[in-house]
Amino acid sequence: MWWSEWWVWMSAGIGFAILEMLAPGYVFLGFAIGAGIVGMALLAGGPLAWGFGTSLPMLLVVFSALSFVAWIGLRSVVGVRKGQIKTFDRDINED
């Protein structure tokens, strides 16, 4: 089926990367990384491509797990630092 093709997952990764540029916040970047890794695994012929995980539910589980790990990694690298708090000294409507 089409979901077990490597180029579908790479295209989804590129689509998520474009969405990340349009709506920044490091949310879609985790999805892009997850889709890219699944696409590379299918292209390389790893365990996903041997028939173990080419079913749609298994690919979605692997994609979601990889996306979550990527999001956690991005959050720890570029996310809000410990103790970092946004404070406002004045109201925007005070002028």
C-alpha atoms as a PDB file:
ATOM      1  CA  MET A   1       0.000   0.000   0.000  1.00  0.00           C
ATOM      2  CA  TRP A   2       1.004   3.619  -0.358  1.00  0.00           C
ATOM      3  CA  TRP A   3       1.758   4.138   3.345  1.00  0.00           C
ATOM      4  CA  SER A   4       4.627   1.646   3.197  1.00  0.00           C
ATOM      5  CA  GLU A   5       6.443   3.680   0.532  1.00  0.00           C
ATOM      6  CA  TRP A   6       9.438   5.667   1.700  1.00  0.00           C
ATOM      7  CA  TRP A   7       8.672   8.710  -0.457  1.00  0.00           C
ATOM      8  CA  VAL A   8       5.247   9.147   1.159  1.00  0.00           C
ATOM      9  CA  TRP A   9       6.845   9.523   4.579  1.00  0.00           C
ATOM     10  CA  MET A  10       9.578  11.818   3.241  1.00  0.00           C
ATOM     11  CA  SER A  11       6.916  13.973   1.569  1.00  0.00           C
ATOM     12  CA  ALA A  12       4.998  14.120   4.838  1.00  0.00           C
ATOM     13  CA  GLY A  13       8.202  15.159   6.600  1.00  0.00           C
ATOM     14  CA  ILE A  14       8.750  17.966   4.092  1.00  0.00           C
ATOM     15  CA  GLY A  15       5.127  19.019   4.489  1.00  0.00           C
ATOM     16  CA  PHE A  16       5.471  19.170   8.268  1.00  0.00           C
ATOM     17  CA  ALA A  17       8.715  21.156   7.895  1.00  0.00           C
ATOM     18  CA  ILE A  18       6.903  23.682   5.689  1.00  0.00           C
ATOM     19  CA  LEU A  19       4.112  23.911   8.268  1.00  0.00           C
ATOM     20  CA  GLU A  20       6.740  24.563  10.920  1.00  0.00           C
ATOM     21  CA  MET A  21       8.030  27.521   8.930  1.00  0.00           C
ATOM     22  CA  LEU A  22       4.497  28.908   8.586  1.00  0.00           C
ATOM     23  CA  ALA A  23       3.539  28.334  12.226  1.00  0.00           C
ATOM     24  CA  PRO A  24       6.756  28.292  14.293  1.00  0.00           C
ATOM     25  CA  GLY A  25       6.806  26.807  17.741  1.00  0.00           C
ATOM     26  CA  TYR A  26       8.732  23.548  17.327  1.00  0.00           C
ATOM     27  CA  VAL A  27       5.518  21.537  17.204  1.00  0.00           C
ATOM     28  CA  PHE A  28       5.509  20.422  13.579  1.00  0.00           C
ATOM     29  CA  LEU A  29       9.288  19.987  13.543  1.00  0.00           C
ATOM     30  CA  GLY A  30       8.972  16.937  15.793  1.00  0.00           C
ATOM     31  CA  PHE A  31       6.473  15.446  13.356  1.00  0.00           C
ATOM     32  CA  ALA A  32       8.810  16.255  10.447  1.00  0.00           C
ATOM     33  CA  ILE A  33      11.707  14.494  12.149  1.00  0.00           C
ATOM     34  CA  GLY A  34       9.553  11.454  12.965  1.00  0.00           C
ATOM     35  CA  ALA A  35       8.262  11.172   9.392  1.00  0.00           C
ATOM     36  CA  GLY A  36      11.770  11.634   8.004  1.00  0.00           C
ATOM     37  CA  ILE A  37      13.193   8.858  10.175  1.00  0.00           C
ATOM     38  CA  VAL A  38      10.381   6.483   9.200  1.00  0.00           C
ATOM     39  CA  GLY A  39      10.974   7.348   5.536  1.00  0.00           C
ATOM     40  CA  MET A  40      14.722   6.743   5.851  1.00  0.00           C
ATOM     41  CA  ALA A  41      14.126   3.437   7.623  1.00  0.00           C
ATOM     42  CA  LEU A  42      11.814   2.292   4.845  1.00  0.00           C
ATOM     43  CA  LEU A  43      14.311   3.446   2.208  1.00  0.00           C
ATOM     44  CA  ALA A  44      17.234   1.703   3.919  1.00  0.00           C
ATOM     45  CA  GLY A  45      15.330  -1.565   4.143  1.00  0.00           C
ATOM     46  CA  GLY A  46      15.477  -1.917   7.898  1.00  0.00           C
ATOM     47  CA  PRO A  47      13.074  -3.913  10.087  1.00  0.00           C
ATOM     48  CA  LEU A  48      10.201  -1.655   9.041  1.00  0.00           C
ATOM     49  CA  ALA A  49      10.677  -2.599   5.393  1.00  0.00           C
ATOM     50  CA  TRP A  50      11.020  -6.362   6.045  1.00  0.00           C
ATOM     51  CA  GLY A  51       7.287  -6.660   6.620  1.00  0.00           C
ATOM     52  CA  PHE A  52       7.467  -6.335  10.409  1.00  0.00           C
ATOM     53  CA  GLY A  53       6.101  -2.849  10.452  1.00  0.00           C
ATOM     54  CA  THR A  54       4.664  -2.043   7.063  1.00  0.00           C
ATOM     55  CA  SER A  55       1.101  -2.201   8.330  1.00  0.00           C
ATOM     56  CA  LEU A  56      -0.458   1.214   8.831  1.00  0.00           C
ATOM     57  CA  PRO A  57      -1.024   0.816  12.605  1.00  0.00           C
ATOM     58  CA  MET A  58       2.596  -0.221  13.196  1.00  0.00           C
ATOM     59  CA  LEU A  59       3.963   2.615  11.054  1.00  0.00           C
ATOM     60  CA  LEU A  60       1.783   5.118  12.906  1.00  0.00           C
ATOM     61  CA  VAL A  61       2.971   3.809  16.283  1.00  0.00           C
ATOM     62  CA  VAL A  62       6.612   4.085  15.206  1.00  0.00           C
ATOM     63  CA  PHE A  63       5.975   7.543  13.713  1.00  0.00           C
ATOM     64  CA  SER A  64       4.257   8.811  16.849  1.00  0.00           C
ATOM     65  CA  ALA A  65       6.952   7.419  19.157  1.00  0.00           C
ATOM     66  CA  LEU A  66       9.743   8.953  17.071  1.00  0.00           C
ATOM     67  CA  SER A  67       7.885  12.263  16.845  1.00  0.00           C
ATOM     68  CA  PHE A  68       7.413  12.350  20.610  1.00  0.00           C
ATOM     69  CA  VAL A  69      11.088  11.611  21.265  1.00  0.00           C
ATOM     70  CA  ALA A  70      12.084  14.295  18.737  1.00  0.00           C
ATOM     71  CA  TRP A  71       9.706  16.795  20.339  1.00  0.00           C
ATOM     72  CA  ILE A  72      11.100  16.090  23.816  1.00  0.00           C
ATOM     73  CA  GLY A  73      14.633  16.515  22.462  1.00  0.00           C
ATOM     74  CA  LEU A  74      13.750  19.781  20.751  1.00  0.00           C
ATOM     75  CA  ARG A  75      11.981  21.018  23.856  1.00  0.00           C
ATOM     76  CA  SER A  76      15.066  20.366  25.983  1.00  0.00           C
ATOM     77  CA  VAL A  77      17.383  22.062  23.480  1.00  0.00           C
ATOM     78  CA  VAL A  78      15.380  25.074  22.288  1.00  0.00           C
ATOM     79  CA  GLY A  79      12.439  25.215  24.683  1.00  0.00           C
ATOM     80  CA  VAL A  80      11.799  27.359  27.712  1.00  0.00           C
ATOM     81  CA  ARG A  81      14.724  27.262  30.098  1.00  0.00           C
ATOM     82  CA  LYS A  82      14.295  26.480  33.783  1.00  0.00           C
ATOM     83  CA  GLY A  83      13.420  29.635  35.660  1.00  0.00           C
ATOM     84  CA  GLN A  84      12.730  31.616  32.480  1.00  0.00           C
ATOM     85  CA  ILE A  85       9.576  33.637  32.968  1.00  0.00           C
ATOM     86  CA  LYS A  86       8.109  36.253  30.672  1.00  0.00           C
ATOM     87  CA  THR A  87       7.225  39.408  32.612  1.00  0.00           C
ATOM     88  CA  PHE A  88       5.595  42.588  31.396  1.00  0.00           C
ATOM     89  CA  ASP A  89       6.494  45.980  32.866  1.00  0.00           C
ATOM     90  CA  ARG A  90       3.730  47.916  31.173  1.00  0.00           C
ATOM     91  CA  ASP A  91       0.512  47.326  29.316  1.00  0.00           C
ATOM     92  CA  ILE A  92       0.407  47.725  25.541  1.00  0.00           C
ATOM     93  CA  ASN A  93      -2.672  49.945  25.881  1.00  0.00           C
ATOM     94  CA  GLU A  94      -1.064  52.502  28.212  1.00  0.00           C
ATOM     95  CA  ASP A  95       0.182  54.822  25.454  1.00  0.00           C
END
